[in-house]
């Protein structure tokens, strides 16, 4: 499992929203318990809809929590195969990313040996009618 530190944000709606919110006072340790790979377009949409309930979070609730003893977020890493970026997600028992951190370079993470789930979220698929 990978362990590092990142600035987590509570209830951020999007990656852009994270840039506008104040992070925790200092970086918090995290440990990635599972990698979630989304198709490229779904990953792009998810980055802008972090508040959305998604099934991969519900399915992996037991893989996420804040370990008070070690002061470490045990979290999912959401990305897509073609992206260099990713999101650390901890749900605190909810179906959405209650806490999230943006990772700008996933190559800096030690992801070898961490289980990978290739998810396909119906709620993140491209709509047939263009959005206004």
N, C-alpha and C. Protein backbone atom coordinates (compact mmCIF):
# COMPACT_ATOMS: atom_id res chain seq x y z
N UNK A 1 0.83 -1.18 0.00
CA UNK A 1 0.00 0.00 0.00
C UNK A 1 0.88 1.25 0.00
N UNK A 2 0.39 2.28 -0.63
CA UNK A 2 1.12 3.53 -0.76
C UNK A 2 0.81 4.45 0.41
N UNK A 3 1.84 5.09 0.99
CA UNK A 3 1.60 6.04 2.08
C UNK A 3 2.40 7.30 1.84
N UNK A 4 1.72 8.45 1.87
CA UNK A 4 2.31 9.76 1.64
C UNK A 4 1.50 10.78 2.43
N UNK A 5 1.62 12.06 2.07
CA UNK A 5 0.83 13.12 2.70
C UNK A 5 0.26 14.04 1.63
N UNK A 6 -0.95 14.55 1.88
CA UNK A 6 -1.63 15.44 0.93
C UNK A 6 -2.56 16.37 1.69
N UNK A 7 -2.97 17.44 1.03
CA UNK A 7 -3.96 18.38 1.59
C UNK A 7 -5.35 17.90 1.20
N UNK A 8 -6.11 17.46 2.19
CA UNK A 8 -7.47 16.98 1.96
C UNK A 8 -8.46 18.12 2.17
N UNK A 9 -9.54 18.08 1.38
CA UNK A 9 -10.58 19.09 1.45
C UNK A 9 -11.90 18.41 1.79
N UNK A 10 -12.68 19.05 2.63
CA UNK A 10 -13.96 18.49 3.06
C UNK A 10 -15.08 19.07 2.19
N UNK A 11 -15.88 18.18 1.63
CA UNK A 11 -17.06 18.53 0.83
C UNK A 11 -16.76 19.44 -0.36
N UNK A 12 -15.66 19.22 -1.02
CA UNK A 12 -15.37 19.97 -2.24
C UNK A 12 -16.26 19.45 -3.36
N UNK A 13 -16.81 20.34 -4.14
CA UNK A 13 -17.70 19.94 -5.24
C UNK A 13 -16.92 19.52 -6.48
N UNK A 14 -15.70 20.05 -6.64
CA UNK A 14 -14.91 19.77 -7.82
C UNK A 14 -13.44 20.04 -7.51
N UNK A 15 -12.58 19.68 -8.44
CA UNK A 15 -11.16 19.98 -8.28
C UNK A 15 -10.98 21.50 -8.20
N UNK A 16 -11.70 22.23 -9.02
CA UNK A 16 -11.61 23.70 -8.99
C UNK A 16 -12.04 24.24 -7.62
N UNK A 17 -13.07 23.65 -7.05
CA UNK A 17 -13.55 24.04 -5.73
C UNK A 17 -12.46 23.83 -4.67
N UNK A 18 -11.67 22.78 -4.83
CA UNK A 18 -10.58 22.52 -3.88
C UNK A 18 -9.59 23.67 -3.86
N UNK A 19 -9.35 24.26 -5.01
CA UNK A 19 -8.40 25.36 -5.09
C UNK A 19 -8.90 26.60 -4.37
N UNK A 20 -10.24 26.71 -4.22
CA UNK A 20 -10.84 27.87 -3.55
C UNK A 20 -11.05 27.66 -2.05
N UNK A 21 -11.01 26.41 -1.59
CA UNK A 21 -11.24 26.11 -0.18
C UNK A 21 -9.92 26.05 0.57
N UNK A 22 -10.00 26.32 1.86
CA UNK A 22 -8.80 26.18 2.70
C UNK A 22 -8.62 24.70 3.03
N UNK A 23 -7.42 24.18 2.86
CA UNK A 23 -7.19 22.78 3.22
C UNK A 23 -7.05 22.63 4.73
N UNK A 24 -6.89 21.42 5.17
CA UNK A 24 -6.56 21.20 6.56
C UNK A 24 -5.31 22.02 6.85
N UNK A 25 -5.09 22.40 8.11
CA UNK A 25 -3.94 23.25 8.43
C UNK A 25 -2.60 22.70 7.92
N UNK A 26 -2.46 21.42 7.86
CA UNK A 26 -1.24 20.82 7.35
C UNK A 26 -1.61 19.61 6.52
N UNK A 27 -0.66 19.11 5.81
CA UNK A 27 -0.91 17.91 5.01
C UNK A 27 -1.15 16.73 5.94
N UNK A 28 -2.03 15.84 5.50
CA UNK A 28 -2.40 14.67 6.28
C UNK A 28 -1.89 13.42 5.58
N UNK A 29 -1.42 12.48 6.36
CA UNK A 29 -0.95 11.22 5.77
C UNK A 29 -2.12 10.47 5.15
N UNK A 30 -1.81 9.74 4.10
CA UNK A 30 -2.82 8.89 3.46
C UNK A 30 -2.19 7.57 3.07
N UNK A 31 -3.05 6.59 2.97
CA UNK A 31 -2.66 5.27 2.50
C UNK A 31 -3.71 4.82 1.49
N UNK A 32 -3.29 4.53 0.29
CA UNK A 32 -4.21 4.11 -0.76
C UNK A 32 -4.52 2.62 -0.59
N UNK A 33 -5.81 2.32 -0.46
CA UNK A 33 -6.23 0.93 -0.28
C UNK A 33 -6.68 0.29 -1.59
N UNK A 34 -7.10 1.13 -2.55
CA UNK A 34 -7.54 0.61 -3.84
C UNK A 34 -7.50 1.73 -4.87
N UNK A 35 -7.14 1.37 -6.10
CA UNK A 35 -7.16 2.30 -7.22
C UNK A 35 -8.45 2.06 -8.00
N UNK A 36 -9.18 3.13 -8.28
CA UNK A 36 -10.39 3.06 -9.11
C UNK A 36 -10.05 3.72 -10.44
N UNK A 37 -10.10 2.94 -11.51
CA UNK A 37 -9.86 3.49 -12.86
C UNK A 37 -11.19 3.67 -13.56
N UNK A 38 -11.45 4.91 -13.95
CA UNK A 38 -12.65 5.24 -14.71
C UNK A 38 -12.27 5.47 -16.17
N UNK A 39 -13.22 5.27 -17.09
CA UNK A 39 -12.98 5.69 -18.47
C UNK A 39 -12.69 7.19 -18.50
N UNK A 40 -11.94 7.63 -19.50
CA UNK A 40 -11.44 9.01 -19.58
C UNK A 40 -12.54 10.07 -19.39
N UNK A 41 -13.63 9.95 -20.11
CA UNK A 41 -14.71 10.95 -20.03
C UNK A 41 -15.39 10.93 -18.66
N UNK A 42 -15.55 9.74 -18.08
CA UNK A 42 -16.17 9.65 -16.76
C UNK A 42 -15.26 10.25 -15.69
N UNK A 43 -13.96 10.05 -15.83
CA UNK A 43 -13.02 10.66 -14.89
C UNK A 43 -13.09 12.18 -14.99
N UNK A 44 -13.13 12.69 -16.19
CA UNK A 44 -13.23 14.14 -16.38
C UNK A 44 -14.49 14.68 -15.72
N UNK A 45 -15.60 14.01 -15.89
CA UNK A 45 -16.86 14.46 -15.28
C UNK A 45 -16.81 14.32 -13.76
N UNK A 46 -16.24 13.22 -13.28
CA UNK A 46 -16.19 13.01 -11.83
C UNK A 46 -15.38 14.12 -11.15
N UNK A 47 -14.31 14.55 -11.76
CA UNK A 47 -13.49 15.64 -11.20
C UNK A 47 -14.31 16.90 -10.97
N UNK A 48 -15.40 17.05 -11.73
CA UNK A 48 -16.27 18.22 -11.61
C UNK A 48 -17.55 17.94 -10.84
N UNK A 49 -17.71 16.71 -10.33
CA UNK A 49 -18.94 16.33 -9.63
C UNK A 49 -18.62 15.46 -8.41
N UNK A 50 -17.73 15.91 -7.56
CA UNK A 50 -17.29 15.11 -6.41
C UNK A 50 -18.40 14.86 -5.39
N UNK A 51 -19.41 15.68 -5.39
CA UNK A 51 -20.53 15.54 -4.47
C UNK A 51 -21.49 14.42 -4.88
N UNK A 52 -21.33 13.94 -6.10
CA UNK A 52 -22.25 12.92 -6.63
C UNK A 52 -22.03 11.56 -5.95
N UNK A 53 -23.15 10.92 -5.56
CA UNK A 53 -23.06 9.54 -5.06
C UNK A 53 -22.71 8.62 -6.21
N UNK A 54 -21.66 7.82 -6.04
CA UNK A 54 -21.23 6.89 -7.07
C UNK A 54 -21.09 5.50 -6.47
N UNK A 55 -21.35 4.49 -7.28
CA UNK A 55 -21.37 3.12 -6.76
C UNK A 55 -19.99 2.62 -6.34
N UNK A 56 -18.91 3.10 -6.96
CA UNK A 56 -17.60 2.59 -6.56
C UNK A 56 -17.26 3.02 -5.12
N UNK A 57 -17.80 4.15 -4.69
CA UNK A 57 -17.59 4.55 -3.29
C UNK A 57 -18.42 3.67 -2.37
N UNK A 58 -19.67 3.44 -2.71
CA UNK A 58 -20.53 2.58 -1.89
C UNK A 58 -19.97 1.17 -1.78
N UNK A 59 -19.47 0.63 -2.90
CA UNK A 59 -18.91 -0.72 -2.90
C UNK A 59 -17.65 -0.84 -2.06
N UNK A 60 -16.92 0.25 -1.92
CA UNK A 60 -15.62 0.21 -1.27
C UNK A 60 -15.60 0.94 0.08
N UNK A 61 -16.75 1.06 0.70
CA UNK A 61 -16.83 1.75 1.98
C UNK A 61 -15.90 1.19 3.04
N UNK A 62 -15.70 -0.12 3.03
CA UNK A 62 -14.84 -0.74 4.04
C UNK A 62 -13.35 -0.45 3.79
N UNK A 63 -13.02 0.07 2.61
CA UNK A 63 -11.63 0.41 2.27
C UNK A 63 -11.27 1.84 2.63
N UNK A 64 -12.22 2.60 3.20
CA UNK A 64 -11.99 4.01 3.49
C UNK A 64 -12.34 4.33 4.93
N UNK A 65 -11.45 5.09 5.57
CA UNK A 65 -11.72 5.61 6.91
C UNK A 65 -10.55 6.48 7.32
N UNK A 66 -10.73 7.19 8.42
CA UNK A 66 -9.62 7.94 9.00
C UNK A 66 -9.15 7.17 10.22
N UNK A 67 -7.92 6.73 10.20
CA UNK A 67 -7.34 6.00 11.32
C UNK A 67 -6.79 7.02 12.31
N UNK A 68 -7.50 7.20 13.41
CA UNK A 68 -7.10 8.22 14.39
C UNK A 68 -5.78 7.88 15.07
N UNK A 69 -5.52 6.61 15.26
CA UNK A 69 -4.28 6.21 15.94
C UNK A 69 -3.05 6.64 15.13
N UNK A 70 -3.08 6.40 13.83
CA UNK A 70 -1.94 6.77 12.98
C UNK A 70 -2.14 8.12 12.28
N UNK A 71 -3.32 8.75 12.49
CA UNK A 71 -3.67 10.02 11.84
C UNK A 71 -3.47 9.93 10.33
N UNK A 72 -4.08 8.90 9.75
CA UNK A 72 -3.92 8.59 8.33
C UNK A 72 -5.27 8.35 7.68
N UNK A 73 -5.49 8.99 6.51
CA UNK A 73 -6.66 8.67 5.71
C UNK A 73 -6.39 7.37 4.96
N UNK A 74 -7.24 6.37 5.12
CA UNK A 74 -7.22 5.18 4.28
C UNK A 74 -8.22 5.48 3.18
N UNK A 75 -7.76 5.53 1.94
CA UNK A 75 -8.61 6.07 0.89
C UNK A 75 -8.45 5.37 -0.45
N UNK A 76 -9.38 5.69 -1.34
CA UNK A 76 -9.32 5.25 -2.72
C UNK A 76 -8.54 6.27 -3.53
N UNK A 77 -7.93 5.82 -4.61
CA UNK A 77 -7.29 6.72 -5.56
C UNK A 77 -8.05 6.58 -6.87
N UNK A 78 -8.75 7.64 -7.28
CA UNK A 78 -9.58 7.63 -8.48
C UNK A 78 -8.81 8.32 -9.60
N UNK A 79 -8.71 7.63 -10.73
CA UNK A 79 -7.96 8.15 -11.87
C UNK A 79 -8.49 7.51 -13.15
N UNK A 80 -7.80 7.76 -14.25
CA UNK A 80 -8.05 7.00 -15.48
C UNK A 80 -6.70 6.63 -16.05
N UNK A 81 -6.69 5.63 -16.87
CA UNK A 81 -5.43 5.09 -17.38
C UNK A 81 -4.61 6.15 -18.12
N UNK A 82 -5.27 7.04 -18.85
CA UNK A 82 -4.57 8.02 -19.68
C UNK A 82 -4.19 9.30 -18.95
N UNK A 83 -4.63 9.46 -17.71
CA UNK A 83 -4.37 10.71 -16.98
C UNK A 83 -3.13 10.60 -16.11
N UNK A 84 -2.45 11.72 -15.92
CA UNK A 84 -1.33 11.78 -14.99
C UNK A 84 -1.78 12.20 -13.60
N UNK A 85 -3.06 12.58 -13.47
CA UNK A 85 -3.61 13.09 -12.22
C UNK A 85 -4.50 12.05 -11.56
N UNK A 86 -4.96 12.38 -10.36
CA UNK A 86 -5.90 11.52 -9.67
C UNK A 86 -6.45 12.20 -8.44
N UNK A 87 -7.42 11.55 -7.82
CA UNK A 87 -8.07 12.08 -6.63
C UNK A 87 -8.02 11.04 -5.52
N UNK A 88 -7.62 11.46 -4.35
CA UNK A 88 -7.73 10.63 -3.17
C UNK A 88 -9.10 10.88 -2.59
N UNK A 89 -9.82 9.82 -2.24
CA UNK A 89 -11.19 9.95 -1.79
C UNK A 89 -11.40 9.15 -0.51
N UNK A 90 -12.02 9.80 0.49
CA UNK A 90 -12.46 9.13 1.71
C UNK A 90 -13.89 9.59 1.93
N UNK A 91 -14.82 8.65 2.13
CA UNK A 91 -16.24 8.98 2.13
C UNK A 91 -16.85 9.18 3.51
N UNK A 92 -16.17 8.79 4.56
CA UNK A 92 -16.70 8.88 5.91
C UNK A 92 -18.08 8.21 6.01
N UNK A 93 -18.27 7.14 5.24
CA UNK A 93 -19.52 6.38 5.28
C UNK A 93 -20.59 6.86 4.33
N UNK A 94 -20.35 7.95 3.63
CA UNK A 94 -21.31 8.47 2.66
C UNK A 94 -21.04 7.88 1.29
N UNK A 95 -21.89 8.17 0.31
CA UNK A 95 -21.72 7.65 -1.04
C UNK A 95 -20.96 8.57 -1.96
N UNK A 96 -20.42 9.65 -1.40
CA UNK A 96 -19.67 10.61 -2.21
C UNK A 96 -18.32 10.90 -1.54
N UNK A 97 -17.51 11.70 -2.20
CA UNK A 97 -16.17 12.03 -1.68
C UNK A 97 -16.31 13.10 -0.59
N UNK A 98 -16.48 12.67 0.64
CA UNK A 98 -16.60 13.60 1.78
C UNK A 98 -15.28 14.36 1.97
N UNK A 99 -14.17 13.66 1.83
CA UNK A 99 -12.83 14.26 1.87
C UNK A 99 -12.11 13.88 0.60
N UNK A 100 -11.44 14.84 -0.02
CA UNK A 100 -10.74 14.56 -1.28
C UNK A 100 -9.46 15.38 -1.35
N UNK A 101 -8.49 14.83 -2.04
CA UNK A 101 -7.23 15.53 -2.29
C UNK A 101 -6.86 15.31 -3.75
N UNK A 102 -6.41 16.36 -4.41
CA UNK A 102 -6.02 16.29 -5.80
C UNK A 102 -4.54 15.94 -5.88
N UNK A 103 -4.21 14.95 -6.70
CA UNK A 103 -2.83 14.55 -6.94
C UNK A 103 -2.49 14.93 -8.38
N UNK A 104 -1.53 15.82 -8.54
CA UNK A 104 -1.21 16.33 -9.88
C UNK A 104 -0.30 15.40 -10.68
N UNK A 105 0.41 14.50 -10.00
CA UNK A 105 1.31 13.57 -10.70
C UNK A 105 1.25 12.20 -10.04
N UNK A 106 0.45 11.33 -10.62
CA UNK A 106 0.29 10.01 -9.99
C UNK A 106 1.55 9.15 -10.09
N UNK A 107 2.48 9.53 -10.95
CA UNK A 107 3.74 8.78 -11.04
C UNK A 107 4.55 8.90 -9.76
N UNK A 108 4.26 9.92 -8.95
CA UNK A 108 4.97 10.12 -7.69
C UNK A 108 4.48 9.16 -6.61
N UNK A 109 3.37 8.48 -6.87
CA UNK A 109 2.81 7.53 -5.89
C UNK A 109 3.31 6.12 -6.16
N UNK A 110 3.47 5.36 -5.10
CA UNK A 110 3.84 3.94 -5.23
C UNK A 110 2.55 3.13 -5.32
N UNK A 111 2.12 2.84 -6.54
CA UNK A 111 0.84 2.16 -6.74
C UNK A 111 0.99 0.67 -7.02
N UNK A 112 2.22 0.18 -7.17
CA UNK A 112 2.43 -1.24 -7.43
C UNK A 112 1.89 -2.07 -6.27
N UNK A 113 1.16 -3.12 -6.61
CA UNK A 113 0.64 -4.03 -5.60
C UNK A 113 -0.69 -3.61 -4.99
N UNK A 114 -1.18 -2.43 -5.34
CA UNK A 114 -2.48 -1.98 -4.82
C UNK A 114 -3.56 -2.49 -5.77
N UNK A 115 -4.64 -3.08 -5.23
CA UNK A 115 -5.71 -3.59 -6.10
C UNK A 115 -6.30 -2.48 -6.97
N UNK A 116 -6.66 -2.86 -8.19
CA UNK A 116 -7.25 -1.92 -9.15
C UNK A 116 -8.64 -2.41 -9.51
N UNK A 117 -9.61 -1.50 -9.47
CA UNK A 117 -10.98 -1.79 -9.91
C UNK A 117 -11.27 -0.89 -11.10
N UNK A 118 -11.63 -1.48 -12.21
CA UNK A 118 -12.03 -0.70 -13.38
C UNK A 118 -13.53 -0.50 -13.31
N UNK A 119 -13.92 0.72 -12.99
CA UNK A 119 -15.32 1.04 -12.77
C UNK A 119 -15.92 1.70 -14.00
N UNK A 120 -17.23 1.60 -14.11
CA UNK A 120 -17.97 2.25 -15.18
C UNK A 120 -19.26 2.75 -14.57
N UNK A 121 -19.32 4.04 -14.33
CA UNK A 121 -20.43 4.65 -13.62
C UNK A 121 -21.50 5.16 -14.57
N UNK A 122 -22.68 4.60 -14.49
CA UNK A 122 -23.78 5.02 -15.34
C UNK A 122 -24.07 6.51 -15.16
N UNK A 123 -24.00 6.99 -13.92
CA UNK A 123 -24.33 8.39 -13.66
C UNK A 123 -23.29 9.36 -14.21
N UNK A 124 -22.12 8.87 -14.61
CA UNK A 124 -21.07 9.74 -15.14
C UNK A 124 -20.92 9.62 -16.66
N UNK A 125 -21.74 8.79 -17.28
CA UNK A 125 -21.66 8.65 -18.73
C UNK A 125 -22.14 9.92 -19.41
N UNK A 126 -21.61 10.17 -20.58
CA UNK A 126 -21.97 11.36 -21.34
C UNK A 126 -23.46 11.37 -21.63
N UNK A 127 -24.08 12.49 -21.40
CA UNK A 127 -25.50 12.64 -21.70
C UNK A 127 -25.70 12.73 -23.20
N UNK A 128 -26.82 12.20 -23.68
CA UNK A 128 -27.08 12.23 -25.12
C UNK A 128 -27.49 13.62 -25.59
N UNK A 129 -28.05 14.44 -24.67
CA UNK A 129 -28.43 15.81 -25.01
C UNK A 129 -27.39 16.74 -24.42
N UNK A 130 -26.85 17.66 -25.21
CA UNK A 130 -25.81 18.56 -24.70
C UNK A 130 -26.33 19.37 -23.51
N UNK A 131 -25.45 19.62 -22.54
CA UNK A 131 -25.80 20.43 -21.38
C UNK A 131 -25.81 21.90 -21.78
N UNK A 132 -26.63 22.69 -21.12
CA UNK A 132 -26.68 24.12 -21.41
C UNK A 132 -25.77 24.89 -20.50
